[in-house]
Amino acid sequence: FYKRQSSGINAEYGGVSAPYLDSWTQNIRTWLARTIFQHLDKEIQMINKTLEQIGSAECKIGCVSTAVLSKISINKHEHMANIAKVLPYLEVSVNQEYLVHRIGELAAGSCLGCFRWESGGQYKNAPWNKELPTDSQIVAHCINTYLDSHLPRNPMYPEGRTFTTQYFVQTPNKADSKKREYALFQSSIHPPHFKVLVEDEVWEVSKGRNNLFHSLLLLLFHLRNEEHGMLGPVNLGPTGLNMLWIIGS
């Protein structure tokens, strides 16, 4: 499942049996699909329908930049209040057409069935290329944004990205760039690879197609066992975000 690294020493750590890990992986894929991607895809479709109704079909999500959408949300606020909620999810790629199409594909079904960890889907009948975000990048960005939206705003982070700023580290930043209690760490973009940071330790997660899911599970595992099921001030149990069922709680 993962290795715990401290002071340059690697040691096997974990002890989660394969059947549990397989079940948890299925659970988190289901949670991501139902809680984030299906809701996001539905919201995008509803906003685009409203844009058509108010005579702005040329400005639909997927057809224009996030900067244009931001202006629309301000100028037509009474019609477009929900754009502001969707915009942060769209910031993972400048290619909005591909991104919106891929979000729709990931939303189909119940468990991110088309997920490709080191690539993505076709674009304009051409194979995926590295100018487009990987599915891992899209999923990581979307869960970061989801958690941003549920953590209380912190005046230190005026853009509202509390989770992303406090609990996510991405290369070229280093794991030790800032000491933190815990964080999700993306150490490589191509191929995508994620680890978990806990204080001064780096917990190495197995490479490959389940790396992101296993990293998220490991972070959740740590929060349940060591942080009383809390992400900062937010309860991850049934009375809060209801995520602990993913790992059998």
Protein backbone atom coordinates (compact mmCIF):
# COMPACT_ATOMS: atom_id res chain seq x y z
CA PHE A 1 0.00 0.00 0.00
CA TYR A 2 2.61 2.54 1.06
CA LYS A 3 6.01 3.05 2.63
CA ARG A 4 6.88 5.43 5.40
CA GLN A 5 10.05 7.45 4.84
CA SER A 6 11.82 9.26 7.65
CA SER A 7 15.41 10.49 7.81
CA GLY A 8 16.17 8.71 4.55
CA ILE A 9 15.07 5.28 5.85
CA ASN A 10 12.31 3.35 4.06
CA ALA A 11 10.21 0.92 6.04
CA GLU A 12 7.12 -1.04 5.10
CA TYR A 13 4.18 0.54 6.84
CA GLY A 14 0.48 0.11 6.54
CA GLY A 15 -0.88 -3.35 7.10
CA VAL A 16 -4.10 -2.83 5.13
CA SER A 17 -5.04 -6.14 3.49
CA ALA A 18 -5.67 -6.29 -0.26
CA PRO A 19 -9.44 -6.99 -0.01
CA TYR A 20 -9.91 -3.90 2.18
CA LEU A 21 -7.78 -1.76 -0.12
CA ASP A 22 -9.67 -2.94 -3.21
CA SER A 23 -12.97 -2.16 -1.50
CA TRP A 24 -11.79 1.28 -0.36
CA THR A 25 -10.51 2.08 -3.84
CA GLN A 26 -13.91 1.25 -5.30
CA ASN A 27 -15.54 3.35 -2.59
CA ILE A 28 -13.48 6.45 -3.25
CA ARG A 29 -14.00 6.17 -7.00
CA THR A 30 -17.74 5.95 -6.39
CA TRP A 31 -17.65 8.89 -3.99
CA LEU A 32 -15.68 11.04 -6.44
CA ALA A 33 -18.05 10.22 -9.29
CA ARG A 34 -21.27 10.82 -7.38
CA THR A 35 -20.28 13.64 -5.05
CA ILE A 36 -18.08 15.73 -7.34
CA PHE A 37 -18.18 14.85 -11.03
CA GLN A 38 -21.87 14.13 -11.51
CA HIS A 39 -22.86 17.25 -9.59
CA LEU A 40 -20.29 19.36 -11.45
CA ASP A 41 -21.37 18.07 -14.85
CA LYS A 42 -25.03 18.71 -14.01
CA GLU A 43 -24.24 22.24 -12.83
CA ILE A 44 -22.31 23.00 -16.03
CA GLN A 45 -25.22 21.78 -18.16
CA MET A 46 -27.71 23.89 -16.19
CA ILE A 47 -25.56 27.03 -16.50
CA ASN A 48 -25.12 26.49 -20.23
CA LYS A 49 -28.87 26.08 -20.64
CA THR A 50 -29.41 29.37 -18.80
CA LEU A 51 -26.83 31.09 -21.00
CA GLU A 52 -28.76 29.96 -24.06
CA GLN A 53 -32.01 31.25 -22.56
CA ILE A 54 -30.60 34.72 -21.91
CA GLY A 55 -29.09 34.99 -25.39
CA SER A 56 -25.46 34.22 -24.53
CA ALA A 57 -25.07 30.79 -26.09
CA GLU A 58 -21.69 31.79 -27.52
CA CYS A 59 -20.39 32.14 -23.95
CA LYS A 60 -21.22 28.65 -22.73
CA ILE A 61 -18.83 26.87 -20.39
CA GLY A 62 -16.37 24.99 -22.58
CA CYS A 63 -16.51 27.63 -25.31
CA VAL A 64 -14.83 30.60 -23.59
CA SER A 65 -12.08 31.21 -21.04
CA THR A 66 -12.60 31.35 -17.29
CA ALA A 67 -11.85 35.09 -17.45
CA VAL A 68 -14.85 35.62 -19.73
CA LEU A 69 -17.03 33.45 -17.49
CA SER A 70 -15.93 35.47 -14.47
CA LYS A 71 -17.08 38.69 -16.15
CA ILE A 72 -20.42 37.08 -17.06
CA SER A 73 -20.96 36.01 -13.44
CA ILE A 74 -20.49 39.65 -12.38
CA ASN A 75 -22.43 41.37 -15.16
CA LYS A 76 -25.35 38.92 -15.17
CA HIS A 77 -25.23 37.91 -11.53
CA GLU A 78 -28.99 37.56 -11.11
CA HIS A 79 -28.98 34.81 -13.77
CA MET A 80 -25.50 33.38 -13.26
CA ALA A 81 -24.93 33.14 -9.51
CA ASN A 82 -23.71 29.53 -9.79
CA ILE A 83 -20.88 30.30 -12.22
CA ALA A 84 -18.74 31.52 -9.32
CA LYS A 85 -19.09 28.11 -7.65
CA VAL A 86 -18.09 26.23 -10.81
CA LEU A 87 -15.20 28.46 -11.94
CA PRO A 88 -12.58 27.13 -9.47
CA TYR A 89 -13.07 23.61 -10.84
CA LEU A 90 -12.28 24.83 -14.35
CA GLU A 91 -8.92 26.39 -13.52
CA VAL A 92 -6.99 23.15 -14.01
CA SER A 93 -6.65 23.69 -17.79
CA VAL A 94 -6.77 26.54 -20.31
CA ASN A 95 -8.34 24.14 -22.80
CA GLN A 96 -11.89 24.55 -21.56
CA GLU A 97 -13.45 22.62 -24.43
CA TYR A 98 -11.47 19.48 -23.61
CA LEU A 99 -11.86 19.89 -19.86
CA VAL A 100 -15.65 20.23 -19.90
CA HIS A 101 -15.97 17.29 -22.29
CA ARG A 102 -13.73 15.15 -20.09
CA ILE A 103 -15.61 16.09 -16.92
CA GLY A 104 -18.76 14.85 -18.66
CA GLU A 105 -17.07 11.57 -19.55
CA LEU A 106 -15.77 11.06 -16.00
CA ALA A 107 -19.26 11.81 -14.65
CA ALA A 108 -20.81 9.05 -16.74
CA GLY A 109 -21.42 5.82 -14.86
CA SER A 110 -20.88 5.38 -11.15
CA CYS A 111 -17.14 5.03 -10.51
CA LEU A 112 -14.99 7.03 -12.98
CA GLY A 113 -14.98 4.04 -15.30
CA CYS A 114 -13.09 5.83 -18.09
CA PHE A 115 -10.34 7.14 -15.77
CA ARG A 116 -6.85 6.94 -17.30
CA TRP A 117 -4.27 7.83 -14.68
CA GLU A 118 -1.42 8.96 -16.96
CA SER A 119 -3.42 10.27 -19.92
CA GLY A 120 -7.01 11.23 -20.71
CA GLY A 121 -9.64 11.05 -23.42
CA GLN A 122 -9.63 11.82 -27.11
CA TYR A 123 -9.78 15.44 -28.22
CA LYS A 124 -11.24 16.35 -31.60
CA ASN A 125 -10.89 12.72 -32.73
CA ALA A 126 -7.19 12.76 -31.88
CA PRO A 127 -5.44 10.83 -29.11
CA TRP A 128 -4.71 12.55 -25.81
CA ASN A 129 -1.43 14.51 -25.68
CA LYS A 130 0.63 16.12 -22.94
CA GLU A 131 -0.72 19.58 -23.68
CA LEU A 132 -3.94 18.36 -22.03
CA PRO A 133 -4.32 17.57 -18.32
CA THR A 134 -4.17 13.94 -17.25
CA ASP A 135 -7.23 12.46 -15.59
CA SER A 136 -5.18 12.30 -12.39
CA GLN A 137 -4.59 16.04 -12.58
CA ILE A 138 -8.27 16.74 -13.17
CA VAL A 139 -9.39 14.50 -10.31
CA ALA A 140 -6.81 15.89 -7.88
CA HIS A 141 -7.73 19.47 -8.75
CA CYS A 142 -11.44 18.77 -8.38
CA ILE A 143 -11.17 17.13 -4.96
CA ASN A 144 -8.88 19.96 -3.80
CA THR A 145 -11.47 22.47 -5.00
CA TYR A 146 -14.31 20.54 -3.37
CA LEU A 147 -12.49 20.58 -0.03
CA ASP A 148 -11.60 24.27 -0.53
CA SER A 149 -15.32 25.00 -0.77
CA HIS A 150 -16.06 23.21 2.52
CA LEU A 151 -13.28 24.59 4.68
CA PRO A 152 -13.88 27.95 6.40
CA ARG A 153 -12.33 30.90 4.60
CA ASN A 154 -8.97 31.92 6.00
CA PRO A 155 -7.91 35.59 5.68
CA MET A 156 -4.40 34.34 4.89
CA TYR A 157 -5.78 32.83 1.67
CA PRO A 158 -8.07 35.49 0.13
CA GLU A 159 -8.70 33.40 -2.98
CA GLY A 160 -10.60 30.90 -0.84
CA ARG A 161 -8.29 27.95 -1.57
CA THR A 162 -7.72 26.94 2.03
CA PHE A 163 -7.22 23.22 1.43
CA THR A 164 -5.14 23.68 -1.71
CA THR A 165 -2.84 26.18 0.00
CA GLN A 166 -2.49 24.42 3.34
CA TYR A 167 -2.77 20.75 2.49
CA PHE A 168 -1.58 20.31 -1.10
CA VAL A 169 2.00 20.54 -2.37
CA GLN A 170 2.86 20.26 -6.05
CA THR A 171 6.18 19.99 -7.79
CA PRO A 172 8.39 22.04 -8.35
CA ASN A 173 7.73 22.86 -4.68
CA LYS A 174 9.52 20.42 -2.40
CA ALA A 175 7.99 18.20 0.23
CA ASP A 176 9.83 20.15 2.93
CA SER A 177 9.10 23.60 1.43
CA LYS A 178 6.89 24.30 4.44
CA LYS A 179 6.40 22.13 7.49
CA ARG A 180 2.77 21.07 7.80
CA GLU A 181 0.85 18.57 9.88
CA TYR A 182 -0.20 16.61 6.80
CA ALA A 183 -0.65 17.15 3.08
CA LEU A 184 -1.18 15.53 -0.29
CA PHE A 185 2.04 15.87 -2.31
CA GLN A 186 2.25 15.60 -6.11
CA SER A 187 5.91 14.87 -6.79
CA SER A 188 5.59 14.32 -10.55
CA ILE A 189 3.31 15.65 -13.29
CA HIS A 190 4.24 13.22 -16.09
CA PRO A 191 3.66 10.52 -15.15
CA PRO A 192 1.49 11.75 -12.29
CA HIS A 193 2.63 10.54 -8.88
CA PHE A 194 1.30 11.44 -5.45
CA LYS A 195 2.55 10.89 -1.91
CA VAL A 196 1.37 11.85 1.56
CA LEU A 197 3.27 14.16 3.91
CA VAL A 198 2.89 13.84 7.66
CA GLU A 199 5.00 16.35 9.56
CA ASP A 200 8.63 15.59 8.59
CA GLU A 201 7.84 12.25 6.95
CA VAL A 202 7.09 11.37 3.34
CA TRP A 203 4.78 8.39 2.90
CA GLU A 204 5.51 6.81 -0.47
CA VAL A 205 2.48 5.29 -2.22
CA SER A 206 2.64 2.55 -4.84
CA LYS A 207 3.03 3.83 -8.40
CA GLY A 208 0.54 3.34 -11.19
CA ARG A 209 -3.14 3.64 -12.00
CA ASN A 210 -4.34 3.62 -8.38
CA ASN A 211 -1.65 5.92 -6.98
CA LEU A 212 -3.89 8.98 -6.63
CA PHE A 213 -6.76 7.00 -5.12
CA HIS A 214 -4.45 5.23 -2.68
CA SER A 215 -2.85 8.54 -1.68
CA LEU A 216 -6.26 10.02 -0.95
CA LEU A 217 -7.18 6.89 1.03
CA LEU A 218 -3.96 7.10 3.02
CA LEU A 219 -4.59 10.75 3.86
CA LEU A 220 -8.14 9.88 4.92
CA PHE A 221 -6.80 6.91 6.93
CA HIS A 222 -4.43 9.26 8.77
CA LEU A 223 -7.15 11.83 9.43
CA ARG A 224 -9.43 9.16 10.87
CA ASN A 225 -6.81 7.54 13.08
CA GLU A 226 -4.70 10.51 14.17
CA GLU A 227 -6.86 13.62 13.74
CA HIS A 228 -10.13 12.25 15.21
CA GLY A 229 -11.73 12.25 11.76
CA MET A 230 -11.23 15.99 11.35
CA LEU A 231 -9.78 17.97 8.45
CA GLY A 232 -8.87 21.15 10.28
CA PRO A 233 -12.21 22.29 11.78
CA VAL A 234 -14.30 20.13 9.43
CA ASN A 235 -15.74 16.79 10.53
CA LEU A 236 -15.31 14.06 7.91
CA GLY A 237 -17.86 11.79 9.58
CA PRO A 238 -21.65 11.49 9.06
CA THR A 239 -22.34 14.85 10.71
CA GLY A 240 -19.91 16.60 8.37
CA LEU A 241 -18.67 15.72 4.88
CA ASN A 242 -19.50 12.03 5.39
CA MET A 243 -16.29 10.68 3.86
CA LEU A 244 -15.16 8.22 6.51
CA TRP A 245 -17.47 5.48 5.19
CA ILE A 246 -15.03 5.25 2.27
CA ILE A 247 -12.55 3.47 4.54
CA GLY A 248 -15.16 1.49 6.41
CA SER A 249 -16.03 3.92 9.22
